[in-house]
C-alpha atoms as a PDB file:
ATOM      1  CA  MET A   1      54.528 -45.109  38.731  1.00  0.00           C
ATOM      2  CA  THR A   2      54.393 -47.455  35.750  1.00  0.00           C
ATOM      3  CA  PHE A   3      51.441 -48.313  33.537  1.00  0.00           C
ATOM      4  CA  ALA A   4      51.192 -51.680  35.315  1.00  0.00           C
ATOM      5  CA  ASP A   5      50.886 -49.885  38.654  1.00  0.00           C
ATOM      6  CA  PHE A   6      48.137 -47.597  37.392  1.00  0.00           C
ATOM      7  CA  HIS A   7      46.335 -50.522  35.785  1.00  0.00           C
ATOM      8  CA  HIS A   8      46.506 -52.581  38.974  1.00  0.00           C
ATOM      9  CA  GLN A   9      45.120 -49.778  41.128  1.00  0.00           C
ATOM     10  CA  LEU A  10      42.164 -49.268  38.813  1.00  0.00           C
ATOM     11  CA  GLN A  11      41.395 -52.964  38.517  1.00  0.00           C
ATOM     12  CA  THR A  12      41.574 -53.537  42.271  1.00  0.00           C
ATOM     13  CA  LYS A  13      39.280 -50.552  43.035  1.00  0.00           C
ATOM     14  CA  HIS A  14      42.012 -48.731  44.920  1.00  0.00           C
ATOM     15  CA  PRO A  15      40.495 -45.996  47.145  1.00  0.00           C
ATOM     16  CA  ASP A  16      42.768 -43.367  45.603  1.00  0.00           C
ATOM     17  CA  ARG A  17      41.636 -44.026  42.045  1.00  0.00           C
ATOM     18  CA  MET A  18      40.907 -40.335  41.415  1.00  0.00           C
ATOM     19  CA  GLN A  19      44.528 -39.542  42.207  1.00  0.00           C
ATOM     20  CA  VAL A  20      45.546 -42.347  39.878  1.00  0.00           C
ATOM     21  CA  MET A  21      43.489 -40.737  37.115  1.00  0.00           C
ATOM     22  CA  SER A  22      45.189 -37.394  37.662  1.00  0.00           C
ATOM     23  CA  GLN A  23      48.686 -38.869  37.710  1.00  0.00           C
ATOM     24  CA  SER A  24      47.991 -40.957  34.608  1.00  0.00           C
ATOM     25  CA  ARG A  25      48.420 -37.835  32.467  1.00  0.00           C
ATOM     26  CA  THR A  26      52.172 -38.397  32.748  1.00  0.00           C
ATOM     27  CA  LEU A  27      51.948 -41.728  30.904  1.00  0.00           C
ATOM     28  CA  PRO A  28      52.805 -42.136  27.219  1.00  0.00           C
ATOM     29  CA  PRO A  29      49.694 -41.655  25.017  1.00  0.00           C
ATOM     30  CA  HIS A  30      49.179 -45.350  24.199  1.00  0.00           C
ATOM     31  CA  ASP A  31      49.369 -46.412  27.848  1.00  0.00           C
ATOM     32  CA  ARG A  32      47.158 -43.571  28.967  1.00  0.00           C
ATOM     33  CA  PHE A  33      44.629 -44.497  26.289  1.00  0.00           C
ATOM     34  CA  GLN A  34      44.486 -48.107  27.471  1.00  0.00           C
ATOM     35  CA  LEU A  35      43.978 -46.910  31.025  1.00  0.00           C
ATOM     36  CA  MET A  36      41.128 -44.579  30.015  1.00  0.00           C
ATOM     37  CA  CYS A  37      39.385 -47.395  28.176  1.00  0.00           C
ATOM     38  CA  LEU A  38      39.432 -49.394  31.403  1.00  0.00           C
ATOM     39  CA  ALA A  39      38.415 -46.433  33.556  1.00  0.00           C
ATOM     40  CA  ALA A  40      35.449 -45.645  31.302  1.00  0.00           C
ATOM     41  CA  GLN A  41      33.833 -48.834  32.658  1.00  0.00           C
ATOM     42  CA  ASP A  42      34.502 -48.035  36.334  1.00  0.00           C
ATOM     43  CA  GLU A  43      31.648 -48.211  38.847  1.00  0.00           C
ATOM     44  CA  ASN A  44      32.522 -44.755  40.176  1.00  0.00           C
ATOM     45  CA  PRO A  45      30.850 -42.054  38.035  1.00  0.00           C
ATOM     46  CA  ARG A  46      33.665 -39.551  38.783  1.00  0.00           C
ATOM     47  CA  ILE A  47      36.180 -42.006  37.367  1.00  0.00           C
ATOM     48  CA  ARG A  48      34.033 -42.573  34.273  1.00  0.00           C
ATOM     49  CA  TYR A  49      33.596 -38.834  33.791  1.00  0.00           C
ATOM     50  CA  ASP A  50      37.341 -38.235  33.955  1.00  0.00           C
ATOM     51  CA  ALA A  51      38.061 -41.122  31.595  1.00  0.00           C
ATOM     52  CA  VAL A  52      35.489 -40.050  29.011  1.00  0.00           C
ATOM     53  CA  SER A  53      36.783 -36.481  29.191  1.00  0.00           C
ATOM     54  CA  GLN A  54      40.408 -37.565  28.750  1.00  0.00           C
ATOM     55  CA  LEU A  55      39.443 -39.651  25.734  1.00  0.00           C
ATOM     56  CA  GLY A  56      38.609 -36.361  24.047  1.00  0.00           C
ATOM     57  CA  THR A  57      42.381 -35.858  23.816  1.00  0.00           C
ATOM     58  CA  VAL A  58      44.052 -39.255  23.960  1.00  0.00           C
ATOM     59  CA  GLY A  59      41.365 -41.036  21.926  1.00  0.00           C
ATOM     60  CA  THR A  60      43.304 -40.299  18.748  1.00  0.00           C
ATOM     61  CA  VAL A  61      45.362 -43.405  19.566  1.00  0.00           C
ATOM     62  CA  ASP A  62      42.457 -45.555  18.326  1.00  0.00           C
ATOM     63  CA  LEU A  63      39.514 -43.533  17.052  1.00  0.00           C
ATOM     64  CA  GLU A  64      37.360 -46.538  16.220  1.00  0.00           C
ATOM     65  CA  ARG A  65      37.580 -47.977  19.723  1.00  0.00           C
ATOM     66  CA  THR A  66      37.183 -44.509  21.221  1.00  0.00           C
ATOM     67  CA  GLN A  67      34.030 -43.874  19.231  1.00  0.00           C
ATOM     68  CA  GLN A  68      32.509 -47.121  20.480  1.00  0.00           C
ATOM     69  CA  ILE A  69      33.242 -46.218  24.097  1.00  0.00           C
ATOM     70  CA  LEU A  70      31.999 -42.647  23.766  1.00  0.00           C
ATOM     71  CA  GLU A  71      28.822 -43.577  21.916  1.00  0.00           C
ATOM     72  CA  THR A  72      28.025 -46.213  24.538  1.00  0.00           C
ATOM     73  CA  ALA A  73      28.542 -43.633  27.281  1.00  0.00           C
ATOM     74  CA  LEU A  74      26.438 -41.083  25.407  1.00  0.00           C
ATOM     75  CA  GLN A  75      23.545 -43.508  25.050  1.00  0.00           C
ATOM     76  CA  SER A  76      23.507 -45.445  28.262  1.00  0.00           C
ATOM     77  CA  ASP A  77      25.608 -44.062  31.098  1.00  0.00           C
ATOM     78  CA  PRO A  78      23.341 -43.498  34.136  1.00  0.00           C
ATOM     79  CA  GLU A  79      25.011 -40.137  34.900  1.00  0.00           C
ATOM     80  CA  ILE A  80      24.033 -37.140  32.789  1.00  0.00           C
ATOM     81  CA  ASP A  81      27.381 -35.388  33.162  1.00  0.00           C
ATOM     82  CA  VAL A  82      29.199 -38.487  31.880  1.00  0.00           C
ATOM     83  CA  ARG A  83      26.892 -38.531  28.854  1.00  0.00           C
ATOM     84  CA  ALA A  84      27.546 -34.822  28.335  1.00  0.00           C
ATOM     85  CA  ALA A  85      31.302 -35.405  28.563  1.00  0.00           C
ATOM     86  CA  ALA A  86      30.973 -38.102  25.897  1.00  0.00           C
ATOM     87  CA  ALA A  87      29.293 -35.599  23.572  1.00  0.00           C
ATOM     88  CA  ASP A  88      32.057 -33.077  24.282  1.00  0.00           C
ATOM     89  CA  SER A  89      34.740 -35.636  23.437  1.00  0.00           C
ATOM     90  CA  LEU A  90      33.035 -36.757  20.217  1.00  0.00           C
ATOM     91  CA  GLY A  91      33.082 -33.133  19.111  1.00  0.00           C
ATOM     92  CA  ALA A  92      36.660 -32.528  20.206  1.00  0.00           C
ATOM     93  CA  LEU A  93      37.832 -35.554  18.221  1.00  0.00           C
ATOM     94  CA  GLN A  94      35.894 -34.458  15.118  1.00  0.00           C
ATOM     95  CA  ILE A  95      34.112 -37.810  14.867  1.00  0.00           C
ATOM     96  CA  THR A  96      31.598 -36.719  12.244  1.00  0.00           C
ATOM     97  CA  SER A  97      30.105 -40.202  11.898  1.00  0.00           C
ATOM     98  CA  ALA A  98      28.641 -39.693  15.385  1.00  0.00           C
ATOM     99  CA  PHE A  99      26.402 -36.932  14.001  1.00  0.00           C
ATOM    100  CA  PRO A 100      23.196 -39.025  13.672  1.00  0.00           C
ATOM    101  CA  LEU A 101      23.514 -40.352  17.227  1.00  0.00           C
ATOM    102  CA  LEU A 102      24.127 -36.875  18.622  1.00  0.00           C
ATOM    103  CA  VAL A 103      20.987 -35.590  16.909  1.00  0.00           C
ATOM    104  CA  GLN A 104      18.970 -38.583  18.083  1.00  0.00           C
ATOM    105  CA  THR A 105      20.174 -38.117  21.646  1.00  0.00           C
ATOM    106  CA  TYR A 106      19.404 -34.392  21.606  1.00  0.00           C
ATOM    107  CA  ARG A 107      15.848 -35.085  20.551  1.00  0.00           C
ATOM    108  CA  SER A 108      15.347 -37.840  23.106  1.00  0.00           C
ATOM    109  CA  THR A 109      16.438 -35.896  26.194  1.00  0.00           C
ATOM    110  CA  SER A 110      15.052 -32.922  28.069  1.00  0.00           C
ATOM    111  CA  ASP A 111      18.172 -32.496  30.187  1.00  0.00           C
ATOM    112  CA  TRP A 112      19.714 -29.083  29.556  1.00  0.00           C
ATOM    113  CA  LEU A 113      23.293 -30.104  30.363  1.00  0.00           C
ATOM    114  CA  LEU A 114      23.277 -32.921  27.832  1.00  0.00           C
ATOM    115  CA  GLN A 115      21.567 -30.747  25.231  1.00  0.00           C
ATOM    116  CA  LEU A 116      24.122 -27.991  25.783  1.00  0.00           C
ATOM    117  CA  SER A 117      27.051 -30.363  25.206  1.00  0.00           C
ATOM    118  CA  ILE A 118      25.463 -31.909  22.131  1.00  0.00           C
ATOM    119  CA  VAL A 119      24.776 -28.499  20.594  1.00  0.00           C
ATOM    120  CA  ALA A 120      28.381 -27.421  21.181  1.00  0.00           C
ATOM    121  CA  ALA A 121      29.673 -30.678  19.679  1.00  0.00           C
ATOM    122  CA  LEU A 122      27.511 -30.269  16.575  1.00  0.00           C
ATOM    123  CA  GLY A 123      28.994 -26.843  15.951  1.00  0.00           C
ATOM    124  CA  ILE A 124      32.542 -28.128  16.310  1.00  0.00           C
ATOM    125  CA  LEU A 125      31.882 -31.112  14.028  1.00  0.00           C
ATOM    126  CA  GLY A 126      30.992 -28.719  11.216  1.00  0.00           C
ATOM    127  CA  VAL A 127      28.379 -31.004   9.647  1.00  0.00           C
ATOM    128  CA  ARG A 128      26.199 -28.692   7.564  1.00  0.00           C
ATOM    129  CA  GLU A 129      23.107 -30.801   8.255  1.00  0.00           C
ATOM    130  CA  ALA A 130      23.275 -29.659  11.882  1.00  0.00           C
ATOM    131  CA  PHE A 131      22.060 -26.192  10.920  1.00  0.00           C
ATOM    132  CA  ASP A 132      18.334 -26.788  11.422  1.00  0.00           C
ATOM    133  CA  LEU A 133      18.796 -28.364  14.850  1.00  0.00           C
ATOM    134  CA  LEU A 134      21.049 -25.497  15.960  1.00  0.00           C
ATOM    135  CA  VAL A 135      18.450 -22.977  14.821  1.00  0.00           C
ATOM    136  CA  GLU A 136      15.868 -24.907  16.804  1.00  0.00           C
ATOM    137  CA  ALA A 137      18.149 -24.867  19.857  1.00  0.00           C
ATOM    138  CA  THR A 138      18.427 -21.068  19.751  1.00  0.00           C
ATOM    139  CA  ALA A 139      14.757 -21.062  20.807  1.00  0.00           C
ATOM    140  CA  SER A 140      15.411 -23.244  23.850  1.00  0.00           C
ATOM    141  CA  GLU A 141      13.779 -22.169  27.085  1.00  0.00           C
ATOM    142  CA  ASN A 142      17.125 -22.729  28.784  1.00  0.00           C
ATOM    143  CA  GLU A 143      19.342 -19.709  28.186  1.00  0.00           C
ATOM    144  CA  LEU A 144      22.569 -21.724  28.505  1.00  0.00           C
ATOM    145  CA  VAL A 145      21.449 -24.039  25.691  1.00  0.00           C
ATOM    146  CA  GLN A 146      20.444 -20.967  23.706  1.00  0.00           C
ATOM    147  CA  ILE A 147      23.870 -19.387  24.184  1.00  0.00           C
ATOM    148  CA  SER A 148      25.572 -22.657  23.222  1.00  0.00           C
ATOM    149  CA  ALA A 149      23.464 -22.842  20.055  1.00  0.00           C
ATOM    150  CA  ILE A 150      24.339 -19.277  19.031  1.00  0.00           C
ATOM    151  CA  ARG A 151      28.045 -19.978  19.483  1.00  0.00           C
ATOM    152  CA  ALA A 152      27.693 -23.302  17.660  1.00  0.00           C
ATOM    153  CA  LEU A 153      26.213 -21.548  14.634  1.00  0.00           C
ATOM    154  CA  GLY A 154      29.429 -19.557  14.491  1.00  0.00           C
ATOM    155  CA  ASP A 155      31.536 -22.702  14.835  1.00  0.00           C
ATOM    156  CA  LEU A 156      29.510 -24.343  12.060  1.00  0.00           C
ATOM    157  CA  GLY A 157      30.584 -21.554   9.733  1.00  0.00           C
ATOM    158  CA  ASP A 158      27.404 -21.597   7.632  1.00  0.00           C
ATOM    159  CA  ASP A 159      26.658 -18.025   6.560  1.00  0.00           C
ATOM    160  CA  ARG A 160      22.926 -18.716   6.871  1.00  0.00           C
ATOM    161  CA  GLY A 161      23.623 -18.373  10.564  1.00  0.00           C
ATOM    162  CA  VAL A 162      24.057 -14.584  10.312  1.00  0.00           C
ATOM    163  CA  GLU A 163      20.337 -13.987   9.890  1.00  0.00           C
ATOM    164  CA  VAL A 164      19.509 -16.346  12.771  1.00  0.00           C
ATOM    165  CA  VAL A 165      22.086 -14.918  15.158  1.00  0.00           C
ATOM    166  CA  ALA A 166      21.113 -11.333  14.265  1.00  0.00           C
ATOM    167  CA  GLN A 167      17.761 -11.827  15.984  1.00  0.00           C
ATOM    168  CA  PHE A 168      19.540 -11.824  19.339  1.00  0.00           C
ATOM    169  CA  HIS A 169      21.729  -8.736  18.958  1.00  0.00           C
ATOM    170  CA  ASN A 170      19.410  -6.699  21.217  1.00  0.00           C
ATOM    171  CA  HIS A 171      18.788  -9.454  23.754  1.00  0.00           C
ATOM    172  CA  ARG A 172      18.335  -8.202  27.323  1.00  0.00           C
ATOM    173  CA  ASP A 173      21.108 -10.508  28.593  1.00  0.00           C
ATOM    174  CA  TRP A 174      24.592  -9.264  27.724  1.00  0.00           C
ATOM    175  CA  GLN A 175      25.913 -12.839  27.784  1.00  0.00           C
ATOM    176  CA  VAL A 176      23.614 -13.682  24.873  1.00  0.00           C
ATOM    177  CA  ARG A 177      24.827 -10.594  23.011  1.00  0.00           C
ATOM    178  CA  HIS A 178      28.419 -11.614  23.713  1.00  0.00           C
ATOM    179  CA  ALA A 179      27.663 -15.042  22.204  1.00  0.00           C
ATOM    180  CA  VAL A 180      26.260 -13.225  19.173  1.00  0.00           C
ATOM    181  CA  VAL A 181      29.585 -11.404  18.764  1.00  0.00           C
ATOM    182  CA  GLN A 182      31.501 -14.680  19.084  1.00  0.00           C
ATOM    183  CA  ALA A 183      29.330 -16.285  16.425  1.00  0.00           C
ATOM    184  CA  LEU A 184      29.406 -13.358  14.021  1.00  0.00           C
ATOM    185  CA  SER A 185      33.197 -13.180  14.240  1.00  0.00           C
ATOM    186  CA  GLN A 186      33.288 -16.539  12.453  1.00  0.00           C
ATOM    187  CA  LEU A 187      30.628 -15.862   9.829  1.00  0.00           C
ATOM    188  CA  GLY A 188      32.396 -13.741   7.248  1.00  0.00           C
ATOM    189  CA  GLU A 189      31.813 -10.398   5.564  1.00  0.00           C
ATOM    190  CA  THR A 190      28.030 -10.349   5.819  1.00  0.00           C
ATOM    191  CA  ALA A 191      28.333 -10.302   9.606  1.00  0.00           C
ATOM    192  CA  LYS A 192      30.452  -7.136   9.728  1.00  0.00           C
ATOM    193  CA  PRO A 193      27.664  -4.511   9.738  1.00  0.00           C
ATOM    194  CA  LEU A 194      26.066  -6.117  12.758  1.00  0.00           C
ATOM    195  CA  LEU A 195      29.428  -6.449  14.479  1.00  0.00           C
ATOM    196  CA  GLN A 196      29.980  -2.758  13.844  1.00  0.00           C
ATOM    197  CA  ALA A 197      26.674  -1.976  15.548  1.00  0.00           C
ATOM    198  CA  LEU A 198      27.662  -4.105  18.526  1.00  0.00           C
ATOM    199  CA  THR A 199      30.805  -2.031  19.059  1.00  0.00           C
ATOM    200  CA  GLN A 200      28.354   0.463  20.612  1.00  0.00           C
ATOM    201  CA  ASP A 201      26.869  -2.070  23.018  1.00  0.00           C
ATOM    202  CA  PRO A 202      26.246  -0.572  26.484  1.00  0.00           C
ATOM    203  CA  VAL A 203      28.203  -3.405  28.112  1.00  0.00           C
ATOM    204  CA  SER A 204      31.900  -2.758  27.610  1.00  0.00           C
ATOM    205  CA  HIS A 205      32.756  -6.473  27.477  1.00  0.00           C
ATOM    206  CA  VAL A 206      30.446  -6.968  24.477  1.00  0.00           C
ATOM    207  CA  ALA A 207      31.585  -3.778  22.727  1.00  0.00           C
ATOM    208  CA  ALA A 208      35.258  -4.695  23.192  1.00  0.00           C
ATOM    209  CA  ALA A 209      34.683  -8.193  21.789  1.00  0.00           C
ATOM    210  CA  ALA A 210      32.993  -6.702  18.719  1.00  0.00           C
ATOM    211  CA  ARG A 211      35.882  -4.277  18.148  1.00  0.00           C
ATOM    212  CA  LEU A 212      38.356  -7.136  18.526  1.00  0.00           C
ATOM    213  CA  ALA A 213      36.417  -9.222  15.988  1.00  0.00           C
ATOM    214  CA  LEU A 214      36.572  -6.336  13.528  1.00  0.00           C
ATOM    215  CA  GLY A 215      40.256  -5.736  14.238  1.00  0.00           C
ATOM    216  CA  THR A 216      39.632  -2.189  15.392  1.00  0.00           C
ATOM    217  CA  ASP A 217      40.573  -2.639  19.049  1.00  0.00           C
END
């Protein structure tokens, strides 16, 4: 199927548009990018979600146009998971100029899924100014947001994160402790004593991850 065929099926609201989206991955990057820009405006939220997610990869064709589409989706799409996908893609593409909007959106929503994606994106972006918000997010009442924030502090790579993450090394939930290991593995020499302690974690999955991070497994 050619680009023109894909384009026609999207424009004419073909009932098999989801299949079109899947098959479009075989197109050359420029054609696929043009198709995703069109699909990001589709009336079907599943189509928009797929398009916004794919832009996280193919958006490198035109980062300026991609940023406009993703920021619009982040701010105003009626579906939360589409907005969350936009945050994910902004992070994946390392669009650091989206940092202020991501922070603004985090503070203006109470939806955990959107907050989780924004927190993850802020860690990946590596903007040092994200540190305070990530620390704040580690105190979230939603444990998934909390876990995302702990991991994001590791992704951020700011060694101030060691002290913050250390507070959770005895958390009752092993998944939180596993996130602590993942974060500490990215935070340099000062994290090693705590990683060493976590090699004795009662949950083998956590202990193994700590040993792997230390290179002793």
